[in-house]
Amino acid sequence: MAFVITSPCKDEKAAECVETCPVDCIHEGDDMYYIDPDSCIDCGACEAVCPVEAIYADDEVPVEEQKFIQLNKDFFK
């Protein structure tokens, strides 16, 4: 399991998650941040500090936000 950043982050880009991540798996894109699913250690630190509640465990992403699972993966290809 990895964590996924979803639509509330778009154009918000609060960086608390980046500062909290112990393995530096969160990277800035043009309009939001993305979590590298291959380096995420599933610690949940980012989820706890996100001020816009944009971060979910990949198996808990709401149905309407499911496309962000693939968007996070694709960002690191």
PDB file of N, CA and C in Angstrom:
ATOM      1  N   MET A   1       0.837  -1.182   0.000  1.00  0.00           N
ATOM      2  CA  MET A   1       0.000   0.000   0.000  1.00  0.00           C
ATOM      3  C   MET A   1       0.880   1.242   0.000  1.00  0.00           C
ATOM      4  N   ALA A   2       0.426   2.248  -0.704  1.00  0.00           N
ATOM      5  CA  ALA A   2       1.098   3.545  -0.705  1.00  0.00           C
ATOM      6  C   ALA A   2       0.036   4.606  -0.479  1.00  0.00           C
ATOM      7  N   PHE A   3       0.475   5.801  -0.201  1.00  0.00           N
ATOM      8  CA  PHE A   3      -0.459   6.912  -0.051  1.00  0.00           C
ATOM      9  C   PHE A   3      -0.560   7.645  -1.380  1.00  0.00           C
ATOM     10  N   VAL A   4      -1.694   8.325  -1.579  1.00  0.00           N
ATOM     11  CA  VAL A   4      -2.007   8.996  -2.840  1.00  0.00           C
ATOM     12  C   VAL A   4      -2.478  10.413  -2.532  1.00  0.00           C
ATOM     13  N   ILE A   5      -1.992  11.373  -3.306  1.00  0.00           N
ATOM     14  CA  ILE A   5      -2.464  12.748  -3.180  1.00  0.00           C
ATOM     15  C   ILE A   5      -3.552  12.965  -4.220  1.00  0.00           C
ATOM     16  N   THR A   6      -4.666  13.572  -3.792  1.00  0.00           N
ATOM     17  CA  THR A   6      -5.847  13.714  -4.640  1.00  0.00           C
ATOM     18  C   THR A   6      -6.172  15.188  -4.919  1.00  0.00           C
ATOM     19  N   SER A   7      -7.310  15.434  -5.541  1.00  0.00           N
ATOM     20  CA  SER A   7      -7.673  16.742  -6.088  1.00  0.00           C
ATOM     21  C   SER A   7      -7.647  17.934  -5.130  1.00  0.00           C
ATOM     22  N   PRO A   8      -7.924  17.795  -3.836  1.00  0.00           N
ATOM     23  CA  PRO A   8      -7.841  18.999  -2.997  1.00  0.00           C
ATOM     24  C   PRO A   8      -6.465  19.673  -3.014  1.00  0.00           C
ATOM     25  N   CYS A   9      -5.434  18.937  -3.430  1.00  0.00           N
ATOM     26  CA  CYS A   9      -4.088  19.513  -3.503  1.00  0.00           C
ATOM     27  C   CYS A   9      -3.896  20.385  -4.750  1.00  0.00           C
ATOM     28  N   LYS A  10      -4.695  20.142  -5.783  1.00  0.00           N
ATOM     29  CA  LYS A  10      -4.519  20.891  -7.029  1.00  0.00           C
ATOM     30  C   LYS A  10      -4.583  22.389  -6.753  1.00  0.00           C
ATOM     31  N   ASP A  11      -3.567  23.091  -7.194  1.00  0.00           N
ATOM     32  CA  ASP A  11      -3.430  24.536  -7.053  1.00  0.00           C
ATOM     33  C   ASP A  11      -3.332  25.015  -5.602  1.00  0.00           C
ATOM     34  N   GLU A  12      -3.329  24.114  -4.645  1.00  0.00           N
ATOM     35  CA  GLU A  12      -3.169  24.456  -3.227  1.00  0.00           C
ATOM     36  C   GLU A  12      -1.697  24.347  -2.855  1.00  0.00           C
ATOM     37  N   LYS A  13      -1.149  23.168  -3.051  1.00  0.00           N
ATOM     38  CA  LYS A  13       0.259  22.858  -2.834  1.00  0.00           C
ATOM     39  C   LYS A  13       0.802  23.313  -1.482  1.00  0.00           C
ATOM     40  N   ALA A  14       0.073  22.998  -0.420  1.00  0.00           N
ATOM     41  CA  ALA A  14       0.621  23.197   0.918  1.00  0.00           C
ATOM     42  C   ALA A  14       1.748  22.172   1.067  1.00  0.00           C
ATOM     43  N   ALA A  15       2.860  22.561   1.598  1.00  0.00           N
ATOM     44  CA  ALA A  15       4.041  21.691   1.580  1.00  0.00           C
ATOM     45  C   ALA A  15       4.304  20.956   2.890  1.00  0.00           C
ATOM     46  N   GLU A  16       3.357  20.958   3.798  1.00  0.00           N
ATOM     47  CA  GLU A  16       3.571  20.264   5.066  1.00  0.00           C
ATOM     48  C   GLU A  16       3.922  18.792   4.855  1.00  0.00           C
ATOM     49  N   CYS A  17       3.305  18.171   3.858  1.00  0.00           N
ATOM     50  CA  CYS A  17       3.553  16.752   3.589  1.00  0.00           C
ATOM     51  C   CYS A  17       5.006  16.510   3.187  1.00  0.00           C
ATOM     52  N   VAL A  18       5.549  17.394   2.388  1.00  0.00           N
ATOM     53  CA  VAL A  18       6.926  17.249   1.923  1.00  0.00           C
ATOM     54  C   VAL A  18       7.887  17.336   3.109  1.00  0.00           C
ATOM     55  N   GLU A  19       7.636  18.288   3.977  1.00  0.00           N
ATOM     56  CA  GLU A  19       8.502  18.501   5.136  1.00  0.00           C
ATOM     57  C   GLU A  19       8.445  17.337   6.113  1.00  0.00           C
ATOM     58  N   THR A  20       7.317  16.639   6.156  1.00  0.00           N
ATOM     59  CA  THR A  20       7.097  15.557   7.113  1.00  0.00           C
ATOM     60  C   THR A  20       7.573  14.193   6.623  1.00  0.00           C
ATOM     61  N   CYS A  21       7.608  13.993   5.319  1.00  0.00           N
ATOM     62  CA  CYS A  21       7.932  12.674   4.755  1.00  0.00           C
ATOM     63  C   CYS A  21       9.367  12.266   5.108  1.00  0.00           C
ATOM     64  N   PRO A  22       9.521  11.137   5.792  1.00  0.00           N
ATOM     65  CA  PRO A  22      10.864  10.714   6.205  1.00  0.00           C
ATOM     66  C   PRO A  22      11.712  10.113   5.079  1.00  0.00           C
ATOM     67  N   VAL A  23      11.099   9.797   3.932  1.00  0.00           N
ATOM     68  CA  VAL A  23      11.854   9.178   2.839  1.00  0.00           C
ATOM     69  C   VAL A  23      11.855  10.026   1.567  1.00  0.00           C
ATOM     70  N   ASP A  24      11.401  11.255   1.657  1.00  0.00           N
ATOM     71  CA  ASP A  24      11.401  12.189   0.517  1.00  0.00           C
ATOM     72  C   ASP A  24      10.744  11.603  -0.731  1.00  0.00           C
ATOM     73  N   CYS A  25       9.574  10.993  -0.567  1.00  0.00           N
ATOM     74  CA  CYS A  25       8.893  10.398  -1.725  1.00  0.00           C
ATOM     75  C   CYS A  25       7.832  11.315  -2.320  1.00  0.00           C
ATOM     76  N   ILE A  26       7.694  12.530  -1.779  1.00  0.00           N
ATOM     77  CA  ILE A  26       6.695  13.478  -2.285  1.00  0.00           C
ATOM     78  C   ILE A  26       7.409  14.539  -3.103  1.00  0.00           C
ATOM     79  N   HIS A  27       6.948  14.701  -4.362  1.00  0.00           N
ATOM     80  CA  HIS A  27       7.601  15.627  -5.274  1.00  0.00           C
ATOM     81  C   HIS A  27       6.597  16.613  -5.856  1.00  0.00           C
ATOM     82  N   GLU A  28       7.080  17.804  -6.138  1.00  0.00           N
ATOM     83  CA  GLU A  28       6.224  18.866  -6.651  1.00  0.00           C
ATOM     84  C   GLU A  28       6.054  18.764  -8.158  1.00  0.00           C
ATOM     85  N   GLY A  29       4.806  18.823  -8.599  1.00  0.00           N
ATOM     86  CA  GLY A  29       4.482  18.902 -10.013  1.00  0.00           C
ATOM     87  C   GLY A  29       4.080  20.327 -10.357  1.00  0.00           C
ATOM     88  N   ASP A  30       3.570  20.535 -11.551  1.00  0.00           N
ATOM     89  CA  ASP A  30       3.170  21.871 -11.971  1.00  0.00           C
ATOM     90  C   ASP A  30       2.042  22.450 -11.127  1.00  0.00           C
ATOM     91  N   ASP A  31       1.055  21.618 -10.782  1.00  0.00           N
ATOM     92  CA  ASP A  31      -0.119  22.141 -10.078  1.00  0.00           C
ATOM     93  C   ASP A  31      -0.447  21.436  -8.767  1.00  0.00           C
ATOM     94  N   MET A  32       0.321  20.407  -8.411  1.00  0.00           N
ATOM     95  CA  MET A  32       0.098  19.696  -7.156  1.00  0.00           C
ATOM     96  C   MET A  32       1.318  18.847  -6.807  1.00  0.00           C
ATOM     97  N   TYR A  33       1.281  18.210  -5.649  1.00  0.00           N
ATOM     98  CA  TYR A  33       2.339  17.284  -5.253  1.00  0.00           C
ATOM     99  C   TYR A  33       1.921  15.856  -5.582  1.00  0.00           C
ATOM    100  N   TYR A  34       2.911  14.969  -5.705  1.00  0.00           N
ATOM    101  CA  TYR A  34       2.679  13.569  -6.025  1.00  0.00           C
ATOM    102  C   TYR A  34       3.526  12.699  -5.111  1.00  0.00           C
ATOM    103  N   ILE A  35       3.001  11.510  -4.779  1.00  0.00           N
ATOM    104  CA  ILE A  35       3.726  10.558  -3.942  1.00  0.00           C
ATOM    105  C   ILE A  35       4.213   9.407  -4.815  1.00  0.00           C
ATOM    106  N   ASP A  36       5.494   9.125  -4.732  1.00  0.00           N
ATOM    107  CA  ASP A  36       6.081   8.008  -5.477  1.00  0.00           C
ATOM    108  C   ASP A  36       5.673   6.704  -4.788  1.00  0.00           C
ATOM    109  N   PRO A  37       4.829   5.908  -5.436  1.00  0.00           N
ATOM    110  CA  PRO A  37       4.351   4.685  -4.787  1.00  0.00           C
ATOM    111  C   PRO A  37       5.446   3.649  -4.552  1.00  0.00           C
ATOM    112  N   ASP A  38       6.532   3.744  -5.283  1.00  0.00           N
ATOM    113  CA  ASP A  38       7.623   2.783  -5.117  1.00  0.00           C
ATOM    114  C   ASP A  38       8.535   3.109  -3.936  1.00  0.00           C
ATOM    115  N   SER A  39       8.545   4.359  -3.503  1.00  0.00           N
ATOM    116  CA  SER A  39       9.408   4.702  -2.377  1.00  0.00           C
ATOM    117  C   SER A  39       8.631   5.041  -1.099  1.00  0.00           C
ATOM    118  N   CYS A  40       7.300   5.152  -1.192  1.00  0.00           N
ATOM    119  CA  CYS A  40       6.465   5.413  -0.017  1.00  0.00           C
ATOM    120  C   CYS A  40       6.561   4.225   0.935  1.00  0.00           C
ATOM    121  N   ILE A  41       6.805   4.518   2.212  1.00  0.00           N
ATOM    122  CA  ILE A  41       6.927   3.447   3.209  1.00  0.00           C
ATOM    123  C   ILE A  41       5.646   3.285   4.026  1.00  0.00           C
ATOM    124  N   ASP A  42       4.576   3.913   3.616  1.00  0.00           N
ATOM    125  CA  ASP A  42       3.266   3.770   4.249  1.00  0.00           C
ATOM    126  C   ASP A  42       3.238   4.191   5.709  1.00  0.00           C
ATOM    127  N   CYS A  43       3.995   5.196   6.057  1.00  0.00           N
ATOM    128  CA  CYS A  43       4.053   5.610   7.462  1.00  0.00           C
ATOM    129  C   CYS A  43       2.852   6.468   7.861  1.00  0.00           C
ATOM    130  N   GLY A  44       2.228   7.158   6.891  1.00  0.00           N
ATOM    131  CA  GLY A  44       1.062   7.974   7.178  1.00  0.00           C
ATOM    132  C   GLY A  44       1.363   9.361   7.708  1.00  0.00           C
ATOM    133  N   ALA A  45       2.617   9.718   7.818  1.00  0.00           N
ATOM    134  CA  ALA A  45       2.971  11.034   8.347  1.00  0.00           C
ATOM    135  C   ALA A  45       2.397  12.159   7.494  1.00  0.00           C
ATOM    136  N   CYS A  46       2.411  11.984   6.197  1.00  0.00           N
ATOM    137  CA  CYS A  46       1.912  13.016   5.288  1.00  0.00           C
ATOM    138  C   CYS A  46       0.405  13.207   5.431  1.00  0.00           C
ATOM    139  N   GLU A  47      -0.309  12.112   5.570  1.00  0.00           N
ATOM    140  CA  GLU A  47      -1.771  12.168   5.697  1.00  0.00           C
ATOM    141  C   GLU A  47      -2.170  12.986   6.922  1.00  0.00           C
ATOM    142  N   ALA A  48      -1.457  12.800   8.006  1.00  0.00           N
ATOM    143  CA  ALA A  48      -1.779  13.455   9.265  1.00  0.00           C
ATOM    144  C   ALA A  48      -1.596  14.972   9.225  1.00  0.00           C
ATOM    145  N   VAL A  49      -0.701  15.464   8.385  1.00  0.00           N
ATOM    146  CA  VAL A  49      -0.414  16.902   8.379  1.00  0.00           C
ATOM    147  C   VAL A  49      -1.026  17.667   7.203  1.00  0.00           C
ATOM    148  N   CYS A  50      -1.679  16.974   6.281  1.00  0.00           N
ATOM    149  CA  CYS A  50      -2.234  17.649   5.102  1.00  0.00           C
ATOM    150  C   CYS A  50      -3.387  18.564   5.508  1.00  0.00           C
ATOM    151  N   PRO A  51      -3.239  19.881   5.310  1.00  0.00           N
ATOM    152  CA  PRO A  51      -4.276  20.819   5.751  1.00  0.00           C
ATOM    153  C   PRO A  51      -5.545  20.790   4.887  1.00  0.00           C
ATOM    154  N   VAL A  52      -5.468  20.204   3.699  1.00  0.00           N
ATOM    155  CA  VAL A  52      -6.644  20.145   2.827  1.00  0.00           C
ATOM    156  C   VAL A  52      -7.202  18.729   2.709  1.00  0.00           C
ATOM    157  N   GLU A  53      -6.671  17.807   3.509  1.00  0.00           N
ATOM    158  CA  GLU A  53      -7.130  16.411   3.545  1.00  0.00           C
ATOM    159  C   GLU A  53      -7.160  15.780   2.149  1.00  0.00           C
ATOM    160  N   ALA A  54      -6.058  15.927   1.437  1.00  0.00           N
ATOM    161  CA  ALA A  54      -5.944  15.420   0.067  1.00  0.00           C
ATOM    162  C   ALA A  54      -5.264  14.063  -0.011  1.00  0.00           C
ATOM    163  N   ILE A  55      -4.754  13.541   1.098  1.00  0.00           N
ATOM    164  CA  ILE A  55      -3.937  12.331   1.069  1.00  0.00           C
ATOM    165  C   ILE A  55      -4.696  11.160   1.683  1.00  0.00           C
ATOM    166  N   TYR A  56      -4.680  10.043   0.936  1.00  0.00           N
ATOM    167  CA  TYR A  56      -5.362   8.818   1.359  1.00  0.00           C
ATOM    168  C   TYR A  56      -4.450   7.618   1.136  1.00  0.00           C
ATOM    169  N   ALA A  57      -4.672   6.582   1.930  1.00  0.00           N
ATOM    170  CA  ALA A  57      -4.064   5.285   1.611  1.00  0.00           C
ATOM    171  C   ALA A  57      -4.684   4.842   0.298  1.00  0.00           C
ATOM    172  N   ASP A  58      -3.906   4.197  -0.570  1.00  0.00           N
ATOM    173  CA  ASP A  58      -4.413   3.885  -1.912  1.00  0.00           C
ATOM    174  C   ASP A  58      -5.657   3.009  -1.909  1.00  0.00           C
ATOM    175  N   ASP A  59      -5.870   2.236  -0.859  1.00  0.00           N
ATOM    176  CA  ASP A  59      -7.077   1.410  -0.802  1.00  0.00           C
ATOM    177  C   ASP A  59      -8.252   2.121  -0.130  1.00  0.00           C
ATOM    178  N   GLU A  60      -8.076   3.405   0.212  1.00  0.00           N
ATOM    179  CA  GLU A  60      -9.136   4.194   0.828  1.00  0.00           C
ATOM    180  C   GLU A  60      -9.488   5.445   0.020  1.00  0.00           C
ATOM    181  N   VAL A  61      -8.937   5.557  -1.178  1.00  0.00           N
ATOM    182  CA  VAL A  61      -9.219   6.725  -2.021  1.00  0.00           C
ATOM    183  C   VAL A  61     -10.695   6.698  -2.406  1.00  0.00           C
ATOM    184  N   PRO A  62     -11.415   7.817  -2.211  1.00  0.00           N
ATOM    185  CA  PRO A  62     -12.829   7.855  -2.598  1.00  0.00           C
ATOM    186  C   PRO A  62     -13.011   7.555  -4.084  1.00  0.00           C
ATOM    187  N   VAL A  63     -14.139   6.994  -4.428  1.00  0.00           N
ATOM    188  CA  VAL A  63     -14.421   6.583  -5.809  1.00  0.00           C
ATOM    189  C   VAL A  63     -14.176   7.722  -6.785  1.00  0.00           C
ATOM    190  N   GLU A  64     -14.636   8.920  -6.451  1.00  0.00           N
ATOM    191  CA  GLU A  64     -14.504  10.049  -7.364  1.00  0.00           C
ATOM    192  C   GLU A  64     -13.062  10.546  -7.514  1.00  0.00           C
ATOM    193  N   GLU A  65     -12.160  10.048  -6.690  1.00  0.00           N
ATOM    194  CA  GLU A  65     -10.754  10.453  -6.731  1.00  0.00           C
ATOM    195  C   GLU A  65      -9.838   9.332  -7.236  1.00  0.00           C
ATOM    196  N   GLN A  66     -10.386   8.209  -7.656  1.00  0.00           N
ATOM    197  CA  GLN A  66      -9.604   7.034  -8.047  1.00  0.00           C
ATOM    198  C   GLN A  66      -8.579   7.319  -9.146  1.00  0.00           C
ATOM    199  N   LYS A  67      -8.881   8.240 -10.061  1.00  0.00           N
ATOM    200  CA  LYS A  67      -7.940   8.519 -11.154  1.00  0.00           C
ATOM    201  C   LYS A  67      -6.597   9.030 -10.630  1.00  0.00           C
ATOM    202  N   PHE A  68      -6.577   9.571  -9.407  1.00  0.00           N
ATOM    203  CA  PHE A  68      -5.338  10.109  -8.858  1.00  0.00           C
ATOM    204  C   PHE A  68      -4.347   9.013  -8.470  1.00  0.00           C
ATOM    205  N   ILE A  69      -4.829   7.795  -8.284  1.00  0.00           N
ATOM    206  CA  ILE A  69      -3.907   6.678  -8.033  1.00  0.00           C
ATOM    207  C   ILE A  69      -2.977   6.526  -9.227  1.00  0.00           C
ATOM    208  N   GLN A  70      -3.545   6.500 -10.417  1.00  0.00           N
ATOM    209  CA  GLN A  70      -2.738   6.366 -11.635  1.00  0.00           C
ATOM    210  C   GLN A  70      -1.932   7.626 -11.919  1.00  0.00           C
ATOM    211  N   LEU A  71      -2.503   8.801 -11.656  1.00  0.00           N
ATOM    212  CA  LEU A  71      -1.778  10.050 -11.890  1.00  0.00           C
ATOM    213  C   LEU A  71      -0.513  10.118 -11.037  1.00  0.00           C
ATOM    214  N   ASN A  72      -0.587   9.665  -9.788  1.00  0.00           N
ATOM    215  CA  ASN A  72       0.600   9.657  -8.938  1.00  0.00           C
ATOM    216  C   ASN A  72       1.642   8.699  -9.500  1.00  0.00           C
ATOM    217  N   LYS A  73       1.218   7.511  -9.942  1.00  0.00           N
ATOM    218  CA  LYS A  73       2.150   6.547 -10.536  1.00  0.00           C
ATOM    219  C   LYS A  73       2.790   7.106 -11.807  1.00  0.00           C
ATOM    220  N   ASP A  74       1.954   7.670 -12.669  1.00  0.00           N
ATOM    221  CA  ASP A  74       2.443   8.183 -13.954  1.00  0.00           C
ATOM    222  C   ASP A  74       3.437   9.319 -13.799  1.00  0.00           C
ATOM    223  N   PHE A  75       3.309  10.124 -12.764  1.00  0.00           N
ATOM    224  CA  PHE A  75       4.222  11.243 -12.554  1.00  0.00           C
ATOM    225  C   PHE A  75       5.669  10.755 -12.417  1.00  0.00           C
ATOM    226  N   PHE A  76       5.859   9.547 -11.925  1.00  0.00           N
ATOM    227  CA  PHE A  76       7.212   9.018 -11.683  1.00  0.00           C
ATOM    228  C   PHE A  76       7.723   8.111 -12.776  1.00  0.00           C
ATOM    229  N   LYS A  77       7.035   8.036 -13.900  1.00  0.00           N
ATOM    230  CA  LYS A  77       7.519   7.217 -15.019  1.00  0.00           C
ATOM    231  C   LYS A  77       8.526   7.968 -15.841  1.00  0.00           C
TER     232      LYS A  77
END
